[in-house]
Amino acid sequence: MSILVTGGTGTVGTHVVRRLVELGQPPSVLLRAAEKAKFLPVGVQGVVGDLGNPGSLAKAMQGFERVFLLTPLHPKEAEMGITAVKAAKAAGVSHLVYLSVHKVDAIPQIPHFQSKIEIETAMKNIGLAYTLLMPNNFYQNDEWFKQAILEHAVYPQPIGDIGLNRVDVRDIADAAVNALTQPGHAGKRYPLIGPDTLTGRAVADTYSRHLGRTIRYAGNDLVAWEAQASKTMPEWHVHDLKIMYERFQRHGLVASKEDFAEQAKILGRPPRTFDAYVLEVTTEWKRDTQN
């Protein structure tokens, strides 16, 4: 089975690639530059192509039966994704596994959620067999906040007081690999969620417990968050995330019993807990500070 992974060097994609290698199904990875192939795992091939370059995609997807499509958070995300869908169809790809967002249809006002809705619509309209994976906020996003947590004792992601069923990216990767390699997943839309509904304070408390000192939740002030985020992110990115966090603070992003039942069909086991993730990552952080 020939598999192409886009976003194969990112947070989710690296885990998808690793799991495929472990299963004896080493994929190829879409790369914007050929020299990046030297960083891929042994047995994994690089294929040059760019989601922003339609001409390169048509050639890059030739000969692949299945594609894992991960589109970046970008002002042109919808355009990139639709281009990839068209290229996959033209190349004769038989099955596309696309990474969307949990409850995406309910929140089209978030720009990157709307992009994913448009990409799924393109898949439907073009008649390409696909599976939609719909993850909640990633546990591993917290690695961006390592400095704030360790040096300033603050958890800064303003996710609010209602809660999210955040998910481990390794669960996302396992679901993606199952969808790519097992029969019966075409036409399905699978929520990917963690077992706990996590508020900002609950996340901070979990870090406090495992670090042995108080970690404070920075709170829900999005004006203050925006001012800080604007120092390191482009304006469009801050705008997009601010809308997302406003939605999280007002409504949360909470999984239902039906979501967990659907997830079980693709994951085949209970999802990883946030507590287990924090124990793992804080153990690594402590080890790093001691070396």
C-alpha atoms as a PDB file:
ATOM      1  CA  MET A   1       0.000   0.000   0.000  1.00  0.00           C
ATOM      2  CA  SER A   2       1.480   3.348  -1.062  1.00  0.00           C
ATOM      3  CA  ILE A   3       0.816   6.216   1.368  1.00  0.00           C
ATOM      4  CA  LEU A   4       1.745   9.901   1.142  1.00  0.00           C
ATOM      5  CA  VAL A   5       1.725  12.050   4.292  1.00  0.00           C
ATOM      6  CA  THR A   6       1.479  15.836   4.107  1.00  0.00           C
ATOM      7  CA  GLY A   7       2.632  17.810   7.137  1.00  0.00           C
ATOM      8  CA  GLY A   8       4.827  14.820   7.922  1.00  0.00           C
ATOM      9  CA  THR A   9       7.427  16.830   9.823  1.00  0.00           C
ATOM     10  CA  GLY A  10       4.962  18.625  12.117  1.00  0.00           C
ATOM     11  CA  THR A  11       3.355  17.914  15.488  1.00  0.00           C
ATOM     12  CA  VAL A  12       0.806  15.376  14.244  1.00  0.00           C
ATOM     13  CA  GLY A  13       2.510  14.250  11.054  1.00  0.00           C
ATOM     14  CA  THR A  14       5.703  13.046  12.717  1.00  0.00           C
ATOM     15  CA  HIS A  15       3.650  10.673  14.865  1.00  0.00           C
ATOM     16  CA  VAL A  16       1.673   9.441  11.846  1.00  0.00           C
ATOM     17  CA  VAL A  17       4.917   8.702  10.006  1.00  0.00           C
ATOM     18  CA  ARG A  18       6.449   6.976  13.022  1.00  0.00           C
ATOM     19  CA  ARG A  19       3.414   4.731  13.547  1.00  0.00           C
ATOM     20  CA  LEU A  20       3.321   3.738   9.880  1.00  0.00           C
ATOM     21  CA  VAL A  21       7.008   2.808  10.036  1.00  0.00           C
ATOM     22  CA  GLU A  22       6.370   0.735  13.167  1.00  0.00           C
ATOM     23  CA  LEU A  23       3.609  -1.122  11.318  1.00  0.00           C
ATOM     24  CA  GLY A  24       5.900  -1.923   8.418  1.00  0.00           C
ATOM     25  CA  GLN A  25       4.129   0.550   6.131  1.00  0.00           C
ATOM     26  CA  PRO A  26       6.732   3.312   5.697  1.00  0.00           C
ATOM     27  CA  PRO A  27       5.079   6.231   3.879  1.00  0.00           C
ATOM     28  CA  SER A  28       6.426   8.964   1.685  1.00  0.00           C
ATOM     29  CA  VAL A  29       6.351  12.530   3.040  1.00  0.00           C
ATOM     30  CA  LEU A  30       5.544  15.655   1.058  1.00  0.00           C
ATOM     31  CA  LEU A  31       8.425  18.133   1.400  1.00  0.00           C
ATOM     32  CA  ARG A  32       8.817  21.633   0.036  1.00  0.00           C
ATOM     33  CA  ALA A  33      12.560  21.119  -0.379  1.00  0.00           C
ATOM     34  CA  ALA A  34      14.397  17.905  -1.305  1.00  0.00           C
ATOM     35  CA  GLU A  35      17.199  18.514   1.199  1.00  0.00           C
ATOM     36  CA  LYS A  36      14.766  18.062   4.088  1.00  0.00           C
ATOM     37  CA  ALA A  37      14.555  14.355   3.257  1.00  0.00           C
ATOM     38  CA  LYS A  38      17.731  13.746   5.285  1.00  0.00           C
ATOM     39  CA  PHE A  39      15.727  14.430   8.469  1.00  0.00           C
ATOM     40  CA  LEU A  40      13.139  11.726   7.770  1.00  0.00           C
ATOM     41  CA  PRO A  41      13.171   8.348   9.545  1.00  0.00           C
ATOM     42  CA  VAL A  42      15.019   5.469   7.916  1.00  0.00           C
ATOM     43  CA  GLY A  43      12.941   3.930   5.150  1.00  0.00           C
ATOM     44  CA  VAL A  44      10.769   7.009   4.634  1.00  0.00           C
ATOM     45  CA  GLN A  45      11.034   8.727   1.268  1.00  0.00           C
ATOM     46  CA  GLY A  46      10.615  12.419   0.584  1.00  0.00           C
ATOM     47  CA  VAL A  47       8.497  13.688  -2.310  1.00  0.00           C
ATOM     48  CA  VAL A  48       8.908  17.312  -3.353  1.00  0.00           C
ATOM     49  CA  GLY A  49       5.691  19.275  -3.515  1.00  0.00           C
ATOM     50  CA  ASP A  50       4.006  22.302  -1.976  1.00  0.00           C
ATOM     51  CA  LEU A  51       0.368  22.827  -0.996  1.00  0.00           C
ATOM     52  CA  GLY A  52       0.811  26.384  -2.211  1.00  0.00           C
ATOM     53  CA  ASN A  53       1.990  25.254  -5.653  1.00  0.00           C
ATOM     54  CA  PRO A  54      -0.746  23.396  -7.573  1.00  0.00           C
ATOM     55  CA  GLY A  55       1.603  22.288 -10.339  1.00  0.00           C
ATOM     56  CA  SER A  56       3.920  20.550  -7.917  1.00  0.00           C
ATOM     57  CA  LEU A  57       1.107  18.629  -6.210  1.00  0.00           C
ATOM     58  CA  ALA A  58      -0.227  16.942  -9.321  1.00  0.00           C
ATOM     59  CA  LYS A  59       3.161  15.326  -9.907  1.00  0.00           C
ATOM     60  CA  ALA A  60       3.864  14.620  -6.231  1.00  0.00           C
ATOM     61  CA  MET A  61       0.675  12.599  -5.711  1.00  0.00           C
ATOM     62  CA  GLN A  62       1.103  10.367  -8.726  1.00  0.00           C
ATOM     63  CA  GLY A  63       1.269   6.684  -7.820  1.00  0.00           C
ATOM     64  CA  PHE A  64      -0.095   6.971  -4.282  1.00  0.00           C
ATOM     65  CA  GLU A  65      -3.173   5.031  -3.225  1.00  0.00           C
ATOM     66  CA  ARG A  66      -3.810   6.861   0.036  1.00  0.00           C
ATOM     67  CA  VAL A  67      -2.994  10.339   1.325  1.00  0.00           C
ATOM     68  CA  PHE A  68      -3.020  11.816   4.814  1.00  0.00           C
ATOM     69  CA  LEU A  69      -3.864  15.477   4.285  1.00  0.00           C
ATOM     70  CA  LEU A  70      -2.977  18.007   6.954  1.00  0.00           C
ATOM     71  CA  THR A  71      -3.428  21.648   5.985  1.00  0.00           C
ATOM     72  CA  PRO A  72      -1.579  24.408   7.868  1.00  0.00           C
ATOM     73  CA  LEU A  73      -3.258  27.226   9.755  1.00  0.00           C
ATOM     74  CA  HIS A  74      -2.748  29.856   7.064  1.00  0.00           C
ATOM     75  CA  PRO A  75      -4.734  32.695   5.433  1.00  0.00           C
ATOM     76  CA  LYS A  76      -4.933  30.519   2.296  1.00  0.00           C
ATOM     77  CA  GLU A  77      -5.636  27.226   4.082  1.00  0.00           C
ATOM     78  CA  ALA A  78      -8.892  26.570   2.211  1.00  0.00           C
ATOM     79  CA  GLU A  79      -7.253  27.279  -1.136  1.00  0.00           C
ATOM     80  CA  MET A  80      -4.339  24.982  -0.305  1.00  0.00           C
ATOM     81  CA  GLY A  81      -6.584  22.167   0.835  1.00  0.00           C
ATOM     82  CA  ILE A  82      -8.897  22.375  -2.168  1.00  0.00           C
ATOM     83  CA  THR A  83      -5.858  22.363  -4.458  1.00  0.00           C
ATOM     84  CA  ALA A  84      -4.610  19.205  -2.719  1.00  0.00           C
ATOM     85  CA  VAL A  85      -8.029  17.540  -3.066  1.00  0.00           C
ATOM     86  CA  LYS A  86      -8.118  18.265  -6.784  1.00  0.00           C
ATOM     87  CA  ALA A  87      -4.568  16.988  -7.225  1.00  0.00           C
ATOM     88  CA  ALA A  88      -5.409  13.791  -5.335  1.00  0.00           C
ATOM     89  CA  LYS A  89      -8.427  13.180  -7.541  1.00  0.00           C
ATOM     90  CA  ALA A  90      -6.430  13.826 -10.728  1.00  0.00           C
ATOM     91  CA  ALA A  91      -3.643  11.498  -9.541  1.00  0.00           C
ATOM     92  CA  GLY A  92      -6.053   8.639  -8.909  1.00  0.00           C
ATOM     93  CA  VAL A  93      -5.707   8.587  -5.114  1.00  0.00           C
ATOM     94  CA  SER A  94      -8.295   6.126  -3.810  1.00  0.00           C
ATOM     95  CA  HIS A  95      -8.689   7.388  -0.237  1.00  0.00           C
ATOM     96  CA  LEU A  96      -7.934  10.683   1.490  1.00  0.00           C
ATOM     97  CA  VAL A  97      -7.714  10.980   5.286  1.00  0.00           C
ATOM     98  CA  TYR A  98      -8.172  14.634   6.249  1.00  0.00           C
ATOM     99  CA  LEU A  99      -7.429  16.278   9.592  1.00  0.00           C
ATOM    100  CA  SER A 100     -10.278  18.641  10.466  1.00  0.00           C
ATOM    101  CA  VAL A 101     -11.486  19.923  13.881  1.00  0.00           C
ATOM    102  CA  HIS A 102     -13.907  18.699  16.549  1.00  0.00           C
ATOM    103  CA  LYS A 103     -17.436  20.068  16.029  1.00  0.00           C
ATOM    104  CA  VAL A 104     -16.195  22.046  13.032  1.00  0.00           C
ATOM    105  CA  ASP A 105     -19.675  22.464  11.527  1.00  0.00           C
ATOM    106  CA  ALA A 106     -20.978  24.183  14.654  1.00  0.00           C
ATOM    107  CA  ILE A 107     -18.334  26.916  14.672  1.00  0.00           C
ATOM    108  CA  PRO A 108     -17.871  28.235  11.107  1.00  0.00           C
ATOM    109  CA  GLN A 109     -17.121  31.754  12.375  1.00  0.00           C
ATOM    110  CA  ILE A 110     -13.593  30.684  13.359  1.00  0.00           C
ATOM    111  CA  PRO A 111     -11.579  31.305  10.160  1.00  0.00           C
ATOM    112  CA  HIS A 112      -9.538  28.099  10.153  1.00  0.00           C
ATOM    113  CA  PHE A 113     -12.646  26.060  11.040  1.00  0.00           C
ATOM    114  CA  GLN A 114     -14.400  27.559   8.015  1.00  0.00           C
ATOM    115  CA  SER A 115     -11.428  26.611   5.853  1.00  0.00           C
ATOM    116  CA  LYS A 116     -11.789  22.990   6.888  1.00  0.00           C
ATOM    117  CA  ILE A 117     -15.514  23.039   6.114  1.00  0.00           C
ATOM    118  CA  GLU A 118     -14.716  24.295   2.603  1.00  0.00           C
ATOM    119  CA  ILE A 119     -12.106  21.573   2.100  1.00  0.00           C
ATOM    120  CA  GLU A 120     -14.518  18.851   3.182  1.00  0.00           C
ATOM    121  CA  THR A 121     -17.139  20.277   0.825  1.00  0.00           C
ATOM    122  CA  ALA A 122     -14.611  20.046  -2.013  1.00  0.00           C
ATOM    123  CA  MET A 123     -13.966  16.382  -1.189  1.00  0.00           C
ATOM    124  CA  LYS A 124     -17.695  15.649  -1.275  1.00  0.00           C
ATOM    125  CA  ASN A 125     -18.267  17.536  -4.524  1.00  0.00           C
ATOM    126  CA  ILE A 126     -15.337  15.977  -6.355  1.00  0.00           C
ATOM    127  CA  GLY A 127     -16.386  12.452  -5.450  1.00  0.00           C
ATOM    128  CA  LEU A 128     -13.206  11.417  -3.643  1.00  0.00           C
ATOM    129  CA  ALA A 129     -13.430   8.737  -0.936  1.00  0.00           C
ATOM    130  CA  TYR A 130     -12.322  10.270   2.356  1.00  0.00           C
ATOM    131  CA  THR A 131     -12.278   9.929   6.128  1.00  0.00           C
ATOM    132  CA  LEU A 132     -12.549  12.998   8.334  1.00  0.00           C
ATOM    133  CA  LEU A 133     -10.649  13.077  11.636  1.00  0.00           C
ATOM    134  CA  MET A 134     -11.933  15.768  14.001  1.00  0.00           C
ATOM    135  CA  PRO A 135      -9.580  16.384  16.939  1.00  0.00           C
ATOM    136  CA  ASN A 136     -10.062  18.747  19.845  1.00  0.00           C
ATOM    137  CA  ASN A 137      -7.281  21.040  21.139  1.00  0.00           C
ATOM    138  CA  PHE A 138      -3.986  19.117  21.397  1.00  0.00           C
ATOM    139  CA  TYR A 139      -2.270  18.316  24.710  1.00  0.00           C
ATOM    140  CA  GLN A 140       1.016  18.881  22.901  1.00  0.00           C
ATOM    141  CA  ASN A 141       0.131  22.524  22.186  1.00  0.00           C
ATOM    142  CA  ASP A 142       1.296  23.076  25.752  1.00  0.00           C
ATOM    143  CA  GLU A 143       4.891  22.511  24.702  1.00  0.00           C
ATOM    144  CA  TRP A 144       4.730  25.997  23.185  1.00  0.00           C
ATOM    145  CA  PHE A 145       4.117  27.256  26.735  1.00  0.00           C
ATOM    146  CA  LYS A 146       7.004  25.435  28.404  1.00  0.00           C
ATOM    147  CA  GLN A 147       8.885  28.646  29.191  1.00  0.00           C
ATOM    148  CA  ALA A 148       5.819  30.363  30.634  1.00  0.00           C
ATOM    149  CA  ILE A 149       5.050  27.344  32.809  1.00  0.00           C
ATOM    150  CA  LEU A 150       8.571  26.683  34.064  1.00  0.00           C
ATOM    151  CA  GLU A 151       9.999  30.194  34.295  1.00  0.00           C
ATOM    152  CA  HIS A 152       6.931  32.261  35.120  1.00  0.00           C
ATOM    153  CA  ALA A 153       4.670  29.636  36.753  1.00  0.00           C
ATOM    154  CA  VAL A 154       1.811  30.618  34.435  1.00  0.00           C
ATOM    155  CA  TYR A 155      -0.340  28.621  32.035  1.00  0.00           C
ATOM    156  CA  PRO A 156      -1.176  31.215  29.350  1.00  0.00           C
ATOM    157  CA  GLN A 157      -3.551  29.511  26.887  1.00  0.00           C
ATOM    158  CA  PRO A 158      -6.911  31.289  27.490  1.00  0.00           C
ATOM    159  CA  ILE A 159      -9.224  28.303  27.023  1.00  0.00           C
ATOM    160  CA  GLY A 160     -11.734  29.456  29.613  1.00  0.00           C
ATOM    161  CA  ASP A 161     -13.842  28.001  32.401  1.00  0.00           C
ATOM    162  CA  ILE A 162     -16.287  25.728  30.536  1.00  0.00           C
ATOM    163  CA  GLY A 163     -13.754  23.280  29.207  1.00  0.00           C
ATOM    164  CA  LEU A 164     -12.400  21.343  26.246  1.00  0.00           C
ATOM    165  CA  ASN A 165     -11.957  17.612  25.768  1.00  0.00           C
ATOM    166  CA  ARG A 166      -8.349  18.064  24.725  1.00  0.00           C
ATOM    167  CA  VAL A 167      -6.621  15.151  22.990  1.00  0.00           C
ATOM    168  CA  ASP A 168      -3.157  13.588  22.731  1.00  0.00           C
ATOM    169  CA  VAL A 169      -1.661  13.865  19.224  1.00  0.00           C
ATOM    170  CA  ARG A 170      -0.559  10.230  19.514  1.00  0.00           C
ATOM    171  CA  ASP A 171      -4.236   9.261  19.608  1.00  0.00           C
ATOM    172  CA  ILE A 172      -4.785  11.355  16.496  1.00  0.00           C
ATOM    173  CA  ALA A 173      -1.878   9.589  14.805  1.00  0.00           C
ATOM    174  CA  ASP A 174      -3.191   6.148  15.753  1.00  0.00           C
ATOM    175  CA  ALA A 175      -6.613   7.030  14.360  1.00  0.00           C
ATOM    176  CA  ALA A 176      -5.038   8.356  11.157  1.00  0.00           C
ATOM    177  CA  VAL A 177      -2.990   5.184  10.674  1.00  0.00           C
ATOM    178  CA  ASN A 178      -6.067   3.022  11.267  1.00  0.00           C
ATOM    179  CA  ALA A 179      -8.048   5.031   8.721  1.00  0.00           C
ATOM    180  CA  LEU A 180      -5.220   4.749   6.188  1.00  0.00           C
ATOM    181  CA  THR A 181      -4.546   1.039   6.588  1.00  0.00           C
ATOM    182  CA  GLN A 182      -7.831  -0.583   7.632  1.00  0.00           C
ATOM    183  CA  PRO A 183     -11.011  -1.093   5.590  1.00  0.00           C
ATOM    184  CA  GLY A 184     -14.367   0.343   6.534  1.00  0.00           C
ATOM    185  CA  HIS A 185     -13.512   3.959   7.371  1.00  0.00           C
ATOM    186  CA  ALA A 186     -14.368   5.675   4.073  1.00  0.00           C
ATOM    187  CA  GLY A 187     -17.166   8.213   4.426  1.00  0.00           C
ATOM    188  CA  LYS A 188     -16.799   8.394   8.203  1.00  0.00           C
ATOM    189  CA  ARG A 189     -16.297  11.460  10.426  1.00  0.00           C
ATOM    190  CA  TYR A 190     -14.559  10.635  13.689  1.00  0.00           C
ATOM    191  CA  PRO A 191     -14.307  12.952  16.729  1.00  0.00           C
ATOM    192  CA  LEU A 192     -10.951  12.634  18.492  1.00  0.00           C
ATOM    193  CA  ILE A 193     -11.183  13.689  22.125  1.00  0.00           C
ATOM    194  CA  GLY A 194      -9.645  13.101  25.509  1.00  0.00           C
ATOM    195  CA  PRO A 195     -11.568  11.647  28.463  1.00  0.00           C
ATOM    196  CA  ASP A 196     -11.467  14.799  30.642  1.00  0.00           C
ATOM    197  CA  THR A 197     -13.165  18.159  30.147  1.00  0.00           C
ATOM    198  CA  LEU A 198     -10.323  20.575  30.909  1.00  0.00           C
ATOM    199  CA  THR A 199     -10.676  24.218  31.915  1.00  0.00           C
ATOM    200  CA  GLY A 200      -7.754  26.619  32.042  1.00  0.00           C
ATOM    201  CA  ARG A 201      -7.578  26.286  35.818  1.00  0.00           C
ATOM    202  CA  ALA A 202      -7.764  22.477  35.642  1.00  0.00           C
ATOM    203  CA  VAL A 203      -4.831  22.443  33.227  1.00  0.00           C
ATOM    204  CA  ALA A 204      -2.804  24.737  35.508  1.00  0.00           C
ATOM    205  CA  ASP A 205      -3.667  22.601  38.533  1.00  0.00           C
ATOM    206  CA  THR A 206      -2.454  19.468  36.740  1.00  0.00           C
ATOM    207  CA  TYR A 207       0.903  21.109  36.025  1.00  0.00           C
ATOM    208  CA  SER A 208       1.049  22.299  39.646  1.00  0.00           C
ATOM    209  CA  ARG A 209       0.559  18.782  40.937  1.00  0.00           C
ATOM    210  CA  HIS A 210       3.241  17.227  38.763  1.00  0.00           C
ATOM    211  CA  LEU A 211       5.771  20.040  39.120  1.00  0.00           C
ATOM    212  CA  GLY A 212       5.307  20.309  42.873  1.00  0.00           C
ATOM    213  CA  ARG A 213       4.683  24.058  42.809  1.00  0.00           C
ATOM    214  CA  THR A 214       1.833  26.387  42.002  1.00  0.00           C
ATOM    215  CA  ILE A 215       1.186  27.111  38.338  1.00  0.00           C
ATOM    216  CA  ARG A 216      -1.368  29.887  37.879  1.00  0.00           C
ATOM    217  CA  TYR A 217      -3.894  30.091  35.054  1.00  0.00           C
ATOM    218  CA  ALA A 218      -3.320  33.441  33.333  1.00  0.00           C
ATOM    219  CA  GLY A 219      -7.055  33.989  32.976  1.00  0.00           C
ATOM    220  CA  ASN A 220      -9.564  34.868  30.282  1.00  0.00           C
ATOM    221  CA  ASP A 221      -8.528  38.432  29.418  1.00  0.00           C
ATOM    222  CA  LEU A 222      -8.287  38.219  25.636  1.00  0.00           C
ATOM    223  CA  VAL A 223      -7.230  41.856  25.270  1.00  0.00           C
ATOM    224  CA  ALA A 224      -4.146  41.109  27.356  1.00  0.00           C
ATOM    225  CA  TRP A 225      -3.608  37.821  25.500  1.00  0.00           C
ATOM    226  CA  GLU A 226      -3.869  39.610  22.148  1.00  0.00           C
ATOM    227  CA  ALA A 227      -1.315  42.242  23.160  1.00  0.00           C
ATOM    228  CA  GLN A 228       1.157  39.551  24.201  1.00  0.00           C
ATOM    229  CA  ALA A 229       0.525  37.246  21.227  1.00  0.00           C
ATOM    230  CA  SER A 230       0.945  40.122  18.763  1.00  0.00           C
ATOM    231  CA  LYS A 231       4.617  40.318  19.742  1.00  0.00           C
ATOM    232  CA  THR A 232       5.356  36.934  18.177  1.00  0.00           C
ATOM    233  CA  MET A 233       2.485  36.125  15.753  1.00  0.00           C
ATOM    234  CA  PRO A 234       1.266  37.789  12.547  1.00  0.00           C
ATOM    235  CA  GLU A 235      -1.951  39.788  12.812  1.00  0.00           C
ATOM    236  CA  TRP A 236      -4.078  37.271  10.872  1.00  0.00           C
ATOM    237  CA  HIS A 237      -2.976  34.460  13.197  1.00  0.00           C
ATOM    238  CA  VAL A 238      -3.778  36.416  16.349  1.00  0.00           C
ATOM    239  CA  HIS A 239      -7.167  37.390  14.922  1.00  0.00           C
ATOM    240  CA  ASP A 240      -8.034  33.775  14.083  1.00  0.00           C
ATOM    241  CA  LEU A 241      -7.005  32.403  17.487  1.00  0.00           C
ATOM    242  CA  LYS A 242      -8.728  35.207  19.367  1.00  0.00           C
ATOM    243  CA  ILE A 243     -12.050  34.294  17.728  1.00  0.00           C
ATOM    244  CA  MET A 244     -11.399  30.660  18.625  1.00  0.00           C
ATOM    245  CA  TYR A 245     -10.623  31.430  22.270  1.00  0.00           C
ATOM    246  CA  GLU A 246     -13.682  33.673  22.534  1.00  0.00           C
ATOM    247  CA  ARG A 247     -15.777  30.718  21.411  1.00  0.00           C
ATOM    248  CA  PHE A 248     -14.046  28.385  23.858  1.00  0.00           C
ATOM    249  CA  GLN A 249     -14.671  30.802  26.722  1.00  0.00           C
ATOM    250  CA  ARG A 250     -18.359  31.233  25.887  1.00  0.00           C
ATOM    251  CA  HIS A 251     -19.288  27.691  24.919  1.00  0.00           C
ATOM    252  CA  GLY A 252     -16.348  25.360  25.521  1.00  0.00           C
ATOM    253  CA  LEU A 253     -15.645  22.458  23.168  1.00  0.00           C
ATOM    254  CA  VAL A 254     -17.077  19.543  25.099  1.00  0.00           C
ATOM    255  CA  ALA A 255     -17.465  15.984  23.816  1.00  0.00           C
ATOM    256  CA  SER A 256     -20.716  14.026  24.015  1.00  0.00           C
ATOM    257  CA  LYS A 257     -21.332  10.347  24.760  1.00  0.00           C
ATOM    258  CA  GLU A 258     -21.960   9.907  21.044  1.00  0.00           C
ATOM    259  CA  ASP A 259     -18.540  11.420  20.284  1.00  0.00           C
ATOM    260  CA  PHE A 260     -16.818   8.861  22.500  1.00  0.00           C
ATOM    261  CA  ALA A 261     -18.788   6.026  20.907  1.00  0.00           C
ATOM    262  CA  GLU A 262     -17.722   7.131  17.437  1.00  0.00           C
ATOM    263  CA  GLN A 263     -14.106   7.595  18.496  1.00  0.00           C
ATOM    264  CA  ALA A 264     -13.999   4.013  19.788  1.00  0.00           C
ATOM    265  CA  LYS A 265     -14.722   2.778  16.250  1.00  0.00           C
ATOM    266  CA  ILE A 266     -11.496   4.278  14.904  1.00  0.00           C
ATOM    267  CA  LEU A 267      -9.224   4.286  17.960  1.00  0.00           C
ATOM    268  CA  GLY A 268     -10.159   0.885  19.334  1.00  0.00           C
ATOM    269  CA  ARG A 269      -9.042   1.686  22.884  1.00  0.00           C
ATOM    270  CA  PRO A 270      -9.560   4.366  25.562  1.00  0.00           C
ATOM    271  CA  PRO A 271      -7.940   7.729  24.783  1.00  0.00           C
ATOM    272  CA  ARG A 272      -4.867   8.878  26.691  1.00  0.00           C
ATOM    273  CA  THR A 273      -5.512  11.096  29.730  1.00  0.00           C
ATOM    274  CA  PHE A 274      -4.183  14.603  30.182  1.00  0.00           C
ATOM    275  CA  ASP A 275      -2.789  13.648  33.587  1.00  0.00           C
ATOM    276  CA  ALA A 276      -0.666  10.905  32.017  1.00  0.00           C
ATOM    277  CA  TYR A 277       0.579  13.324  29.351  1.00  0.00           C
ATOM    278  CA  VAL A 278       1.550  15.967  31.922  1.00  0.00           C
ATOM    279  CA  LEU A 279       3.351  13.386  34.065  1.00  0.00           C
ATOM    280  CA  GLU A 280       5.330  12.332  31.006  1.00  0.00           C
ATOM    281  CA  VAL A 281       6.208  15.811  29.762  1.00  0.00           C
ATOM    282  CA  THR A 282       7.039  17.310  33.157  1.00  0.00           C
ATOM    283  CA  THR A 283       9.328  14.355  33.872  1.00  0.00           C
ATOM    284  CA  GLU A 284      11.171  15.218  30.658  1.00  0.00           C
ATOM    285  CA  TRP A 285      11.317  18.905  31.575  1.00  0.00           C
ATOM    286  CA  LYS A 286      12.746  18.121  35.009  1.00  0.00           C
ATOM    287  CA  ARG A 287      15.338  15.826  33.463  1.00  0.00           C
ATOM    288  CA  ASP A 288      16.335  18.541  30.986  1.00  0.00           C
ATOM    289  CA  THR A 289      16.847  21.121  33.733  1.00  0.00           C
ATOM    290  CA  GLN A 290      19.078  18.722  35.658  1.00  0.00           C
ATOM    291  CA  ASN A 291      21.387  18.050  32.704  1.00  0.00           C
END
